[in-house]
Amino acid sequence: MQEPLTAVLVARDGNQLLGYAVVRIIDAPGSWQWGDQVGVLETLVVDDEARGAGVGQALVRAARERLAGSGVQVMKISVIAGNDGALRFYQREGAVDFVKTLVMPVSG
């Protein structure tokens, strides 16, 4: 959070927190075609009771606007395998498959 290119975006209804997103800007890998920097949506959380009310969409829109205002062309989003609801949400918002990341233990 102390990085200058990190922001917390908050959705509220009065004093009630409905959700938040953490977005940051990082240097792009050299082989990417979208400029020197990319955005990363680190976290998107919407309260269970606020789901389906457009809160997630509003937070993604705010993240995109913030990044675009900084000259960033793409936002990277990671979704945990098996979280099909999140995957469908981001796809409805315009995200497309780009990289599949796998993890494996390094010790037996």
PDB file of N, CA and C in Angstrom:
ATOM      1  N   MET A   1       0.800  -1.197   0.000  1.00  0.00           N
ATOM      2  CA  MET A   1       0.000   0.000   0.000  1.00  0.00           C
ATOM      3  C   MET A   1       0.843   1.261   0.000  1.00  0.00           C
ATOM      4  N   GLN A   2       2.113   1.134   0.325  1.00  0.00           N
ATOM      5  CA  GLN A   2       2.957   2.311   0.384  1.00  0.00           C
ATOM      6  C   GLN A   2       3.559   2.658  -0.972  1.00  0.00           C
ATOM      7  N   GLU A   3       3.354   1.790  -1.949  1.00  0.00           N
ATOM      8  CA  GLU A   3       3.856   2.094  -3.286  1.00  0.00           C
ATOM      9  C   GLU A   3       3.048   3.257  -3.860  1.00  0.00           C
ATOM     10  N   PRO A   4       3.698   4.194  -4.514  1.00  0.00           N
ATOM     11  CA  PRO A   4       2.979   5.366  -5.011  1.00  0.00           C
ATOM     12  C   PRO A   4       1.969   5.050  -6.109  1.00  0.00           C
ATOM     13  N   LEU A   5       2.118   3.923  -6.766  1.00  0.00           N
ATOM     14  CA  LEU A   5       1.214   3.589  -7.861  1.00  0.00           C
ATOM     15  C   LEU A   5       0.179   2.551  -7.449  1.00  0.00           C
ATOM     16  N   THR A   6      -0.160   2.518  -6.163  1.00  0.00           N
ATOM     17  CA  THR A   6      -1.173   1.621  -5.626  1.00  0.00           C
ATOM     18  C   THR A   6      -2.330   2.444  -5.098  1.00  0.00           C
ATOM     19  N   ALA A   7      -3.548   1.974  -5.352  1.00  0.00           N
ATOM     20  CA  ALA A   7      -4.734   2.694  -4.875  1.00  0.00           C
ATOM     21  C   ALA A   7      -5.752   1.702  -4.330  1.00  0.00           C
ATOM     22  N   VAL A   8      -6.474   2.134  -3.316  1.00  0.00           N
ATOM     23  CA  VAL A   8      -7.609   1.392  -2.793  1.00  0.00           C
ATOM     24  C   VAL A   8      -8.861   2.149  -3.214  1.00  0.00           C
ATOM     25  N   LEU A   9      -9.730   1.478  -3.904  1.00  0.00           N
ATOM     26  CA  LEU A   9     -10.989   2.064  -4.357  1.00  0.00           C
ATOM     27  C   LEU A   9     -12.106   1.469  -3.507  1.00  0.00           C
ATOM     28  N   VAL A  10     -12.999   2.289  -3.022  1.00  0.00           N
ATOM     29  CA  VAL A  10     -14.008   1.856  -2.059  1.00  0.00           C
ATOM     30  C   VAL A  10     -15.403   2.157  -2.588  1.00  0.00           C
ATOM     31  N   ALA A  11     -16.312   1.198  -2.381  1.00  0.00           N
ATOM     32  CA  ALA A  11     -17.728   1.405  -2.698  1.00  0.00           C
ATOM     33  C   ALA A  11     -18.493   1.443  -1.378  1.00  0.00           C
ATOM     34  N   ARG A  12     -19.256   2.502  -1.188  1.00  0.00           N
ATOM     35  CA  ARG A  12     -20.016   2.684   0.059  1.00  0.00           C
ATOM     36  C   ARG A  12     -21.462   3.043  -0.243  1.00  0.00           C
ATOM     37  N   ASP A  13     -22.294   2.733   0.720  1.00  0.00           N
ATOM     38  CA  ASP A  13     -23.663   3.222   0.747  1.00  0.00           C
ATOM     39  C   ASP A  13     -23.808   3.904   2.099  1.00  0.00           C
ATOM     40  N   GLY A  14     -23.618   5.197   2.120  1.00  0.00           N
ATOM     41  CA  GLY A  14     -23.562   5.917   3.388  1.00  0.00           C
ATOM     42  C   GLY A  14     -22.328   5.486   4.152  1.00  0.00           C
ATOM     43  N   ASN A  15     -22.517   4.989   5.354  1.00  0.00           N
ATOM     44  CA  ASN A  15     -21.399   4.515   6.166  1.00  0.00           C
ATOM     45  C   ASN A  15     -21.100   3.037   5.967  1.00  0.00           C
ATOM     46  N   GLN A  16     -21.925   2.357   5.177  1.00  0.00           N
ATOM     47  CA  GLN A  16     -21.753   0.917   4.979  1.00  0.00           C
ATOM     48  C   GLN A  16     -20.780   0.639   3.831  1.00  0.00           C
ATOM     49  N   LEU A  17     -19.745  -0.140   4.129  1.00  0.00           N
ATOM     50  CA  LEU A  17     -18.785  -0.551   3.114  1.00  0.00           C
ATOM     51  C   LEU A  17     -19.395  -1.688   2.307  1.00  0.00           C
ATOM     52  N   LEU A  18     -19.525  -1.481   1.000  1.00  0.00           N
ATOM     53  CA  LEU A  18     -20.095  -2.501   0.125  1.00  0.00           C
ATOM     54  C   LEU A  18     -19.020  -3.348  -0.551  1.00  0.00           C
ATOM     55  N   GLY A  19     -17.849  -2.761  -0.754  1.00  0.00           N
ATOM     56  CA  GLY A  19     -16.774  -3.487  -1.401  1.00  0.00           C
ATOM     57  C   GLY A  19     -15.568  -2.602  -1.590  1.00  0.00           C
ATOM     58  N   TYR A  20     -14.475  -3.241  -2.005  1.00  0.00           N
ATOM     59  CA  TYR A  20     -13.258  -2.483  -2.291  1.00  0.00           C
ATOM     60  C   TYR A  20     -12.420  -3.210  -3.328  1.00  0.00           C
ATOM     61  N   ALA A  21     -11.556  -2.449  -3.956  1.00  0.00           N
ATOM     62  CA  ALA A  21     -10.616  -2.990  -4.923  1.00  0.00           C
ATOM     63  C   ALA A  21      -9.250  -2.371  -4.655  1.00  0.00           C
ATOM     64  N   VAL A  22      -8.207  -3.166  -4.839  1.00  0.00           N
ATOM     65  CA  VAL A  22      -6.837  -2.677  -4.760  1.00  0.00           C
ATOM     66  C   VAL A  22      -6.249  -2.830  -6.151  1.00  0.00           C
ATOM     67  N   VAL A  23      -5.749  -1.730  -6.676  1.00  0.00           N
ATOM     68  CA  VAL A  23      -5.171  -1.732  -8.014  1.00  0.00           C
ATOM     69  C   VAL A  23      -3.796  -1.076  -7.949  1.00  0.00           C
ATOM     70  N   ARG A  24      -2.868  -1.605  -8.735  1.00  0.00           N
ATOM     71  CA  ARG A  24      -1.540  -0.987  -8.777  1.00  0.00           C
ATOM     72  C   ARG A  24      -1.000  -1.030 -10.188  1.00  0.00           C
ATOM     73  N   ILE A  25       0.027  -0.244 -10.392  1.00  0.00           N
ATOM     74  CA  ILE A  25       0.703  -0.182 -11.692  1.00  0.00           C
ATOM     75  C   ILE A  25       2.097  -0.744 -11.514  1.00  0.00           C
ATOM     76  N   ILE A  26       2.464  -1.652 -12.424  1.00  0.00           N
ATOM     77  CA  ILE A  26       3.791  -2.272 -12.374  1.00  0.00           C
ATOM     78  C   ILE A  26       4.465  -2.142 -13.737  1.00  0.00           C
ATOM     79  N   ASP A  27       5.767  -2.314 -13.743  1.00  0.00           N
ATOM     80  CA  ASP A  27       6.490  -2.350 -15.013  1.00  0.00           C
ATOM     81  C   ASP A  27       6.079  -3.603 -15.775  1.00  0.00           C
ATOM     82  N   ALA A  28       5.850  -3.451 -17.055  1.00  0.00           N
ATOM     83  CA  ALA A  28       5.429  -4.573 -17.894  1.00  0.00           C
ATOM     84  C   ALA A  28       6.634  -5.429 -18.254  1.00  0.00           C
ATOM     85  N   PRO A  29       6.400  -6.742 -18.358  1.00  0.00           N
ATOM     86  CA  PRO A  29       7.480  -7.586 -18.876  1.00  0.00           C
ATOM     87  C   PRO A  29       7.885  -7.077 -20.261  1.00  0.00           C
ATOM     88  N   GLY A  30       9.129  -7.184 -20.584  1.00  0.00           N
ATOM     89  CA  GLY A  30       9.657  -6.636 -21.835  1.00  0.00           C
ATOM     90  C   GLY A  30       8.977  -7.131 -23.090  1.00  0.00           C
ATOM     91  N   SER A  31       8.394  -8.309 -23.038  1.00  0.00           N
ATOM     92  CA  SER A  31       7.810  -8.868 -24.248  1.00  0.00           C
ATOM     93  C   SER A  31       6.348  -8.472 -24.443  1.00  0.00           C
ATOM     94  N   TRP A  32       5.764  -7.748 -23.513  1.00  0.00           N
ATOM     95  CA  TRP A  32       4.369  -7.356 -23.662  1.00  0.00           C
ATOM     96  C   TRP A  32       4.257  -6.228 -24.671  1.00  0.00           C
ATOM     97  N   GLN A  33       3.160  -6.163 -25.348  1.00  0.00           N
ATOM     98  CA  GLN A  33       2.970  -5.195 -26.428  1.00  0.00           C
ATOM     99  C   GLN A  33       2.153  -3.976 -26.017  1.00  0.00           C
ATOM    100  N   TRP A  34       1.879  -3.814 -24.728  1.00  0.00           N
ATOM    101  CA  TRP A  34       0.964  -2.763 -24.292  1.00  0.00           C
ATOM    102  C   TRP A  34       1.630  -1.617 -23.570  1.00  0.00           C
ATOM    103  N   GLY A  35       2.852  -1.351 -23.838  1.00  0.00           N
ATOM    104  CA  GLY A  35       3.512  -0.237 -23.187  1.00  0.00           C
ATOM    105  C   GLY A  35       4.425  -0.677 -22.061  1.00  0.00           C
ATOM    106  N   ASP A  36       4.982   0.298 -21.385  1.00  0.00           N
ATOM    107  CA  ASP A  36       5.982   0.039 -20.346  1.00  0.00           C
ATOM    108  C   ASP A  36       5.384  -0.399 -19.015  1.00  0.00           C
ATOM    109  N   GLN A  37       4.100  -0.130 -18.818  1.00  0.00           N
ATOM    110  CA  GLN A  37       3.478  -0.470 -17.544  1.00  0.00           C
ATOM    111  C   GLN A  37       2.120  -1.130 -17.775  1.00  0.00           C
ATOM    112  N   VAL A  38       1.733  -1.978 -16.819  1.00  0.00           N
ATOM    113  CA  VAL A  38       0.411  -2.601 -16.841  1.00  0.00           C
ATOM    114  C   VAL A  38      -0.232  -2.408 -15.472  1.00  0.00           C
ATOM    115  N   GLY A  39      -1.538  -2.465 -15.451  1.00  0.00           N
ATOM    116  CA  GLY A  39      -2.260  -2.420 -14.194  1.00  0.00           C
ATOM    117  C   GLY A  39      -2.465  -3.825 -13.668  1.00  0.00           C
ATOM    118  N   VAL A  40      -2.578  -3.932 -12.362  1.00  0.00           N
ATOM    119  CA  VAL A  40      -2.862  -5.210 -11.718  1.00  0.00           C
ATOM    120  C   VAL A  40      -4.025  -4.993 -10.760  1.00  0.00           C
ATOM    121  N   LEU A  41      -5.088  -5.745 -10.960  1.00  0.00           N
ATOM    122  CA  LEU A  41      -6.171  -5.742  -9.998  1.00  0.00           C
ATOM    123  C   LEU A  41      -5.801  -6.780  -8.947  1.00  0.00           C
ATOM    124  N   GLU A  42      -5.282  -6.304  -7.828  1.00  0.00           N
ATOM    125  CA  GLU A  42      -4.793  -7.197  -6.771  1.00  0.00           C
ATOM    126  C   GLU A  42      -5.941  -7.866  -6.034  1.00  0.00           C
ATOM    127  N   THR A  43      -6.971  -7.091  -5.748  1.00  0.00           N
ATOM    128  CA  THR A  43      -8.074  -7.583  -4.933  1.00  0.00           C
ATOM    129  C   THR A  43      -9.358  -6.918  -5.370  1.00  0.00           C
ATOM    130  N   LEU A  44     -10.419  -7.688  -5.400  1.00  0.00           N
ATOM    131  CA  LEU A  44     -11.765  -7.147  -5.579  1.00  0.00           C
ATOM    132  C   LEU A  44     -12.661  -7.918  -4.620  1.00  0.00           C
ATOM    133  N   VAL A  45     -13.244  -7.207  -3.671  1.00  0.00           N
ATOM    134  CA  VAL A  45     -14.101  -7.831  -2.657  1.00  0.00           C
ATOM    135  C   VAL A  45     -15.431  -7.083  -2.637  1.00  0.00           C
ATOM    136  N   VAL A  46     -16.512  -7.844  -2.716  1.00  0.00           N
ATOM    137  CA  VAL A  46     -17.853  -7.268  -2.608  1.00  0.00           C
ATOM    138  C   VAL A  46     -18.578  -8.014  -1.491  1.00  0.00           C
ATOM    139  N   ASP A  47     -19.196  -7.259  -0.597  1.00  0.00           N
ATOM    140  CA  ASP A  47     -19.969  -7.844   0.487  1.00  0.00           C
ATOM    141  C   ASP A  47     -21.037  -8.773  -0.091  1.00  0.00           C
ATOM    142  N   ASP A  48     -21.237  -9.912   0.564  1.00  0.00           N
ATOM    143  CA  ASP A  48     -22.215 -10.894   0.078  1.00  0.00           C
ATOM    144  C   ASP A  48     -23.583 -10.269  -0.172  1.00  0.00           C
ATOM    145  N   GLU A  49     -24.016  -9.393   0.716  1.00  0.00           N
ATOM    146  CA  GLU A  49     -25.335  -8.782   0.584  1.00  0.00           C
ATOM    147  C   GLU A  49     -25.405  -7.768  -0.550  1.00  0.00           C
ATOM    148  N   ALA A  50     -24.267  -7.314  -1.047  1.00  0.00           N
ATOM    149  CA  ALA A  50     -24.243  -6.317  -2.121  1.00  0.00           C
ATOM    150  C   ALA A  50     -24.011  -6.956  -3.493  1.00  0.00           C
ATOM    151  N   ARG A  51     -23.806  -8.254  -3.529  1.00  0.00           N
ATOM    152  CA  ARG A  51     -23.554  -8.919  -4.815  1.00  0.00           C
ATOM    153  C   ARG A  51     -24.792  -8.861  -5.700  1.00  0.00           C
ATOM    154  N   GLY A  52     -24.546  -8.677  -6.980  1.00  0.00           N
ATOM    155  CA  GLY A  52     -25.632  -8.591  -7.939  1.00  0.00           C
ATOM    156  C   GLY A  52     -26.219  -7.196  -8.069  1.00  0.00           C
ATOM    157  N   ALA A  53     -25.681  -6.243  -7.319  1.00  0.00           N
ATOM    158  CA  ALA A  53     -26.208  -4.874  -7.343  1.00  0.00           C
ATOM    159  C   ALA A  53     -25.327  -3.921  -8.149  1.00  0.00           C
ATOM    160  N   GLY A  54     -24.326  -4.437  -8.843  1.00  0.00           N
ATOM    161  CA  GLY A  54     -23.466  -3.584  -9.664  1.00  0.00           C
ATOM    162  C   GLY A  54     -22.253  -3.031  -8.948  1.00  0.00           C
ATOM    163  N   VAL A  55     -22.020  -3.449  -7.706  1.00  0.00           N
ATOM    164  CA  VAL A  55     -20.884  -2.928  -6.945  1.00  0.00           C
ATOM    165  C   VAL A  55     -19.565  -3.375  -7.587  1.00  0.00           C
ATOM    166  N   GLY A  56     -19.460  -4.650  -7.923  1.00  0.00           N
ATOM    167  CA  GLY A  56     -18.244  -5.150  -8.569  1.00  0.00           C
ATOM    168  C   GLY A  56     -17.985  -4.444  -9.890  1.00  0.00           C
ATOM    169  N   GLN A  57     -19.032  -4.267 -10.664  1.00  0.00           N
ATOM    170  CA  GLN A  57     -18.896  -3.553 -11.941  1.00  0.00           C
ATOM    171  C   GLN A  57     -18.404  -2.133 -11.730  1.00  0.00           C
ATOM    172  N   ALA A  58     -18.946  -1.455 -10.731  1.00  0.00           N
ATOM    173  CA  ALA A  58     -18.537  -0.079 -10.451  1.00  0.00           C
ATOM    174  C   ALA A  58     -17.076  -0.023 -10.023  1.00  0.00           C
ATOM    175  N   LEU A  59     -16.644  -0.991  -9.227  1.00  0.00           N
ATOM    176  CA  LEU A  59     -15.243  -1.007  -8.790  1.00  0.00           C
ATOM    177  C   LEU A  59     -14.307  -1.314  -9.950  1.00  0.00           C
ATOM    178  N   VAL A  60     -14.678  -2.243 -10.817  1.00  0.00           N
ATOM    179  CA  VAL A  60     -13.849  -2.540 -11.998  1.00  0.00           C
ATOM    180  C   VAL A  60     -13.796  -1.309 -12.905  1.00  0.00           C
ATOM    181  N   ARG A  61     -14.912  -0.653 -13.090  1.00  0.00           N
ATOM    182  CA  ARG A  61     -14.938   0.561 -13.918  1.00  0.00           C
ATOM    183  C   ARG A  61     -14.027   1.632 -13.323  1.00  0.00           C
ATOM    184  N   ALA A  62     -14.090   1.817 -12.000  1.00  0.00           N
ATOM    185  CA  ALA A  62     -13.229   2.808 -11.340  1.00  0.00           C
ATOM    186  C   ALA A  62     -11.758   2.431 -11.482  1.00  0.00           C
ATOM    187  N   ALA A  63     -11.445   1.141 -11.379  1.00  0.00           N
ATOM    188  CA  ALA A  63     -10.059   0.693 -11.556  1.00  0.00           C
ATOM    189  C   ALA A  63      -9.586   0.973 -12.969  1.00  0.00           C
ATOM    190  N   ARG A  64     -10.424   0.669 -13.944  1.00  0.00           N
ATOM    191  CA  ARG A  64     -10.054   0.907 -15.344  1.00  0.00           C
ATOM    192  C   ARG A  64      -9.841   2.399 -15.604  1.00  0.00           C
ATOM    193  N   GLU A  65     -10.722   3.220 -15.072  1.00  0.00           N
ATOM    194  CA  GLU A  65     -10.591   4.670 -15.266  1.00  0.00           C
ATOM    195  C   GLU A  65      -9.312   5.196 -14.629  1.00  0.00           C
ATOM    196  N   ARG A  66      -9.016   4.721 -13.438  1.00  0.00           N
ATOM    197  CA  ARG A  66      -7.792   5.173 -12.756  1.00  0.00           C
ATOM    198  C   ARG A  66      -6.558   4.785 -13.558  1.00  0.00           C
ATOM    199  N   LEU A  67      -6.515   3.548 -14.031  1.00  0.00           N
ATOM    200  CA  LEU A  67      -5.369   3.088 -14.805  1.00  0.00           C
ATOM    201  C   LEU A  67      -5.264   3.824 -16.139  1.00  0.00           C
ATOM    202  N   ALA A  68      -6.383   3.979 -16.827  1.00  0.00           N
ATOM    203  CA  ALA A  68      -6.377   4.693 -18.103  1.00  0.00           C
ATOM    204  C   ALA A  68      -5.890   6.126 -17.919  1.00  0.00           C
ATOM    205  N   GLY A  69      -6.269   6.745 -16.812  1.00  0.00           N
ATOM    206  CA  GLY A  69      -5.817   8.099 -16.521  1.00  0.00           C
ATOM    207  C   GLY A  69      -4.318   8.191 -16.315  1.00  0.00           C
ATOM    208  N   SER A  70      -3.694   7.062 -16.006  1.00  0.00           N
ATOM    209  CA  SER A  70      -2.236   7.010 -15.844  1.00  0.00           C
ATOM    210  C   SER A  70      -1.537   6.512 -17.101  1.00  0.00           C
ATOM    211  N   GLY A  71      -2.291   6.329 -18.172  1.00  0.00           N
ATOM    212  CA  GLY A  71      -1.698   5.901 -19.430  1.00  0.00           C
ATOM    213  C   GLY A  71      -1.542   4.396 -19.585  1.00  0.00           C
ATOM    214  N   VAL A  72      -2.098   3.640 -18.674  1.00  0.00           N
ATOM    215  CA  VAL A  72      -2.003   2.180 -18.734  1.00  0.00           C
ATOM    216  C   VAL A  72      -3.041   1.653 -19.713  1.00  0.00           C
ATOM    217  N   GLN A  73      -2.640   0.660 -20.519  1.00  0.00           N
ATOM    218  CA  GLN A  73      -3.528   0.128 -21.554  1.00  0.00           C
ATOM    219  C   GLN A  73      -4.240  -1.157 -21.174  1.00  0.00           C
ATOM    220  N   VAL A  74      -3.655  -1.962 -20.289  1.00  0.00           N
ATOM    221  CA  VAL A  74      -4.286  -3.223 -19.895  1.00  0.00           C
ATOM    222  C   VAL A  74      -4.182  -3.426 -18.392  1.00  0.00           C
ATOM    223  N   MET A  75      -5.128  -4.223 -17.875  1.00  0.00           N
ATOM    224  CA  MET A  75      -5.141  -4.571 -16.457  1.00  0.00           C
ATOM    225  C   MET A  75      -5.069  -6.094 -16.349  1.00  0.00           C
ATOM    226  N   LYS A  76      -4.141  -6.556 -15.554  1.00  0.00           N
ATOM    227  CA  LYS A  76      -3.959  -7.980 -15.317  1.00  0.00           C
ATOM    228  C   LYS A  76      -4.804  -8.386 -14.118  1.00  0.00           C
ATOM    229  N   ILE A  77      -5.527  -9.511 -14.261  1.00  0.00           N
ATOM    230  CA  ILE A  77      -6.400 -10.010 -13.205  1.00  0.00           C
ATOM    231  C   ILE A  77      -6.112 -11.493 -13.027  1.00  0.00           C
ATOM    232  N   SER A  78      -5.880 -11.915 -11.799  1.00  0.00           N
ATOM    233  CA  SER A  78      -5.692 -13.338 -11.512  1.00  0.00           C
ATOM    234  C   SER A  78      -6.929 -13.859 -10.804  1.00  0.00           C
ATOM    235  N   VAL A  79      -7.346 -15.060 -11.193  1.00  0.00           N
ATOM    236  CA  VAL A  79      -8.500 -15.708 -10.584  1.00  0.00           C
ATOM    237  C   VAL A  79      -8.060 -17.090 -10.120  1.00  0.00           C
ATOM    238  N   ILE A  80      -8.378 -17.420  -8.884  1.00  0.00           N
ATOM    239  CA  ILE A  80      -8.036 -18.735  -8.347  1.00  0.00           C
ATOM    240  C   ILE A  80      -8.791 -19.808  -9.139  1.00  0.00           C
ATOM    241  N   ALA A  81      -8.088 -20.870  -9.518  1.00  0.00           N
ATOM    242  CA  ALA A  81      -8.709 -21.981 -10.238  1.00  0.00           C
ATOM    243  C   ALA A  81      -9.929 -22.471  -9.468  1.00  0.00           C
ATOM    244  N   GLY A  82     -11.012 -22.701 -10.170  1.00  0.00           N
ATOM    245  CA  GLY A  82     -12.238 -23.174  -9.553  1.00  0.00           C
ATOM    246  C   GLY A  82     -13.218 -22.069  -9.196  1.00  0.00           C
ATOM    247  N   ASN A  83     -12.771 -20.802  -9.231  1.00  0.00           N
ATOM    248  CA  ASN A  83     -13.659 -19.687  -8.932  1.00  0.00           C
ATOM    249  C   ASN A  83     -14.350 -19.258 -10.234  1.00  0.00           C
ATOM    250  N   ASP A  84     -15.234 -20.126 -10.699  1.00  0.00           N
ATOM    251  CA  ASP A  84     -15.878 -19.906 -11.992  1.00  0.00           C
ATOM    252  C   ASP A  84     -16.772 -18.671 -12.003  1.00  0.00           C
ATOM    253  N   GLY A  85     -17.371 -18.339 -10.864  1.00  0.00           N
ATOM    254  CA  GLY A  85     -18.202 -17.141 -10.801  1.00  0.00           C
ATOM    255  C   GLY A  85     -17.393 -15.885 -11.054  1.00  0.00           C
ATOM    256  N   ALA A  86     -16.212 -15.798 -10.446  1.00  0.00           N
ATOM    257  CA  ALA A  86     -15.343 -14.641 -10.670  1.00  0.00           C
ATOM    258  C   ALA A  86     -14.872 -14.599 -12.112  1.00  0.00           C
ATOM    259  N   LEU A  87     -14.536 -15.757 -12.655  1.00  0.00           N
ATOM    260  CA  LEU A  87     -14.088 -15.821 -14.046  1.00  0.00           C
ATOM    261  C   LEU A  87     -15.180 -15.311 -14.985  1.00  0.00           C
ATOM    262  N   ARG A  88     -16.403 -15.765 -14.782  1.00  0.00           N
ATOM    263  CA  ARG A  88     -17.513 -15.302 -15.624  1.00  0.00           C
ATOM    264  C   ARG A  88     -17.732 -13.799 -15.457  1.00  0.00           C
ATOM    265  N   PHE A  89     -17.637 -13.297 -14.221  1.00  0.00           N
ATOM    266  CA  PHE A  89     -17.801 -11.865 -13.978  1.00  0.00           C
ATOM    267  C   PHE A  89     -16.790 -11.054 -14.786  1.00  0.00           C
ATOM    268  N   TYR A  90     -15.515 -11.405 -14.679  1.00  0.00           N
ATOM    269  CA  TYR A  90     -14.482 -10.646 -15.391  1.00  0.00           C
ATOM    270  C   TYR A  90     -14.635 -10.771 -16.901  1.00  0.00           C
ATOM    271  N   GLN A  91     -15.043 -11.920 -17.376  1.00  0.00           N
ATOM    272  CA  GLN A  91     -15.273 -12.079 -18.815  1.00  0.00           C
ATOM    273  C   GLN A  91     -16.424 -11.190 -19.280  1.00  0.00           C
ATOM    274  N   ARG A  92     -17.482 -11.083 -18.487  1.00  0.00           N
ATOM    275  CA  ARG A  92     -18.586 -10.175 -18.838  1.00  0.00           C
ATOM    276  C   ARG A  92     -18.115  -8.725 -18.881  1.00  0.00           C
ATOM    277  N   GLU A  93     -17.103  -8.410 -18.076  1.00  0.00           N
ATOM    278  CA  GLU A  93     -16.559  -7.059 -18.038  1.00  0.00           C
ATOM    279  C   GLU A  93     -15.546  -6.800 -19.153  1.00  0.00           C
ATOM    280  N   GLY A  94     -15.253  -7.832 -19.963  1.00  0.00           N
ATOM    281  CA  GLY A  94     -14.367  -7.648 -21.111  1.00  0.00           C
ATOM    282  C   GLY A  94     -13.010  -8.317 -21.003  1.00  0.00           C
ATOM    283  N   ALA A  95     -12.742  -9.010 -19.902  1.00  0.00           N
ATOM    284  CA  ALA A  95     -11.450  -9.700 -19.750  1.00  0.00           C
ATOM    285  C   ALA A  95     -11.409 -10.927 -20.655  1.00  0.00           C
ATOM    286  N   VAL A  96     -10.229 -11.232 -21.152  1.00  0.00           N
ATOM    287  CA  VAL A  96     -10.019 -12.408 -21.997  1.00  0.00           C
ATOM    288  C   VAL A  96      -8.831 -13.209 -21.470  1.00  0.00           C
ATOM    289  N   ASP A  97      -8.817 -14.491 -21.788  1.00  0.00           N
ATOM    290  CA  ASP A  97      -7.699 -15.341 -21.393  1.00  0.00           C
ATOM    291  C   ASP A  97      -6.417 -14.841 -22.040  1.00  0.00           C
ATOM    292  N   PHE A  98      -5.334 -14.863 -21.272  1.00  0.00           N
ATOM    293  CA  PHE A  98      -4.040 -14.433 -21.791  1.00  0.00           C
ATOM    294  C   PHE A  98      -2.934 -15.378 -21.346  1.00  0.00           C
ATOM    295  N   VAL A  99      -2.810 -15.605 -20.050  1.00  0.00           N
ATOM    296  CA  VAL A  99      -1.767 -16.468 -19.495  1.00  0.00           C
ATOM    297  C   VAL A  99      -2.422 -17.421 -18.507  1.00  0.00           C
ATOM    298  N   LYS A 100      -2.005 -18.647 -18.507  1.00  0.00           N
ATOM    299  CA  LYS A 100      -2.445 -19.599 -17.480  1.00  0.00           C
ATOM    300  C   LYS A 100      -1.250 -19.846 -16.593  1.00  0.00           C
ATOM    301  N   THR A 101      -1.386 -19.561 -15.307  1.00  0.00           N
ATOM    302  CA  THR A 101      -0.292 -19.729 -14.350  1.00  0.00           C
ATOM    303  C   THR A 101      -0.541 -20.991 -13.539  1.00  0.00           C
ATOM    304  N   LEU A 102       0.465 -21.822 -13.440  1.00  0.00           N
ATOM    305  CA  LEU A 102       0.402 -23.023 -12.635  1.00  0.00           C
ATOM    306  C   LEU A 102       1.347 -22.887 -11.462  1.00  0.00           C
ATOM    307  N   VAL A 103       1.046 -23.545 -10.367  1.00  0.00           N
ATOM    308  CA  VAL A 103       1.953 -23.590  -9.220  1.00  0.00           C
ATOM    309  C   VAL A 103       2.200 -25.040  -8.856  1.00  0.00           C
ATOM    310  N   MET A 104       3.385 -25.327  -8.330  1.00  0.00           N
ATOM    311  CA  MET A 104       3.697 -26.676  -7.867  1.00  0.00           C
ATOM    312  C   MET A 104       4.635 -26.592  -6.694  1.00  0.00           C
ATOM    313  N   PRO A 105       4.558 -27.571  -5.794  1.00  0.00           N
ATOM    314  CA  PRO A 105       5.479 -27.584  -4.667  1.00  0.00           C
ATOM    315  C   PRO A 105       6.912 -27.780  -5.161  1.00  0.00           C
ATOM    316  N   VAL A 106       7.860 -27.218  -4.444  1.00  0.00           N
ATOM    317  CA  VAL A 106       9.264 -27.374  -4.836  1.00  0.00           C
ATOM    318  C   VAL A 106       9.968 -28.437  -4.009  1.00  0.00           C
ATOM    319  N   SER A 107       9.316 -28.919  -2.976  1.00  0.00           N
ATOM    320  CA  SER A 107       9.915 -30.005  -2.213  1.00  0.00           C
ATOM    321  C   SER A 107       8.935 -31.162  -2.169  1.00  0.00           C
ATOM    322  N   GLY A 108       9.519 -32.383  -2.090  1.00  0.00           N
ATOM    323  CA  GLY A 108       8.777 -33.614  -2.171  1.00  0.00           C
ATOM    324  C   GLY A 108       7.767 -33.784  -1.135  1.00  0.00           C
TER     325      GLY A 108
END
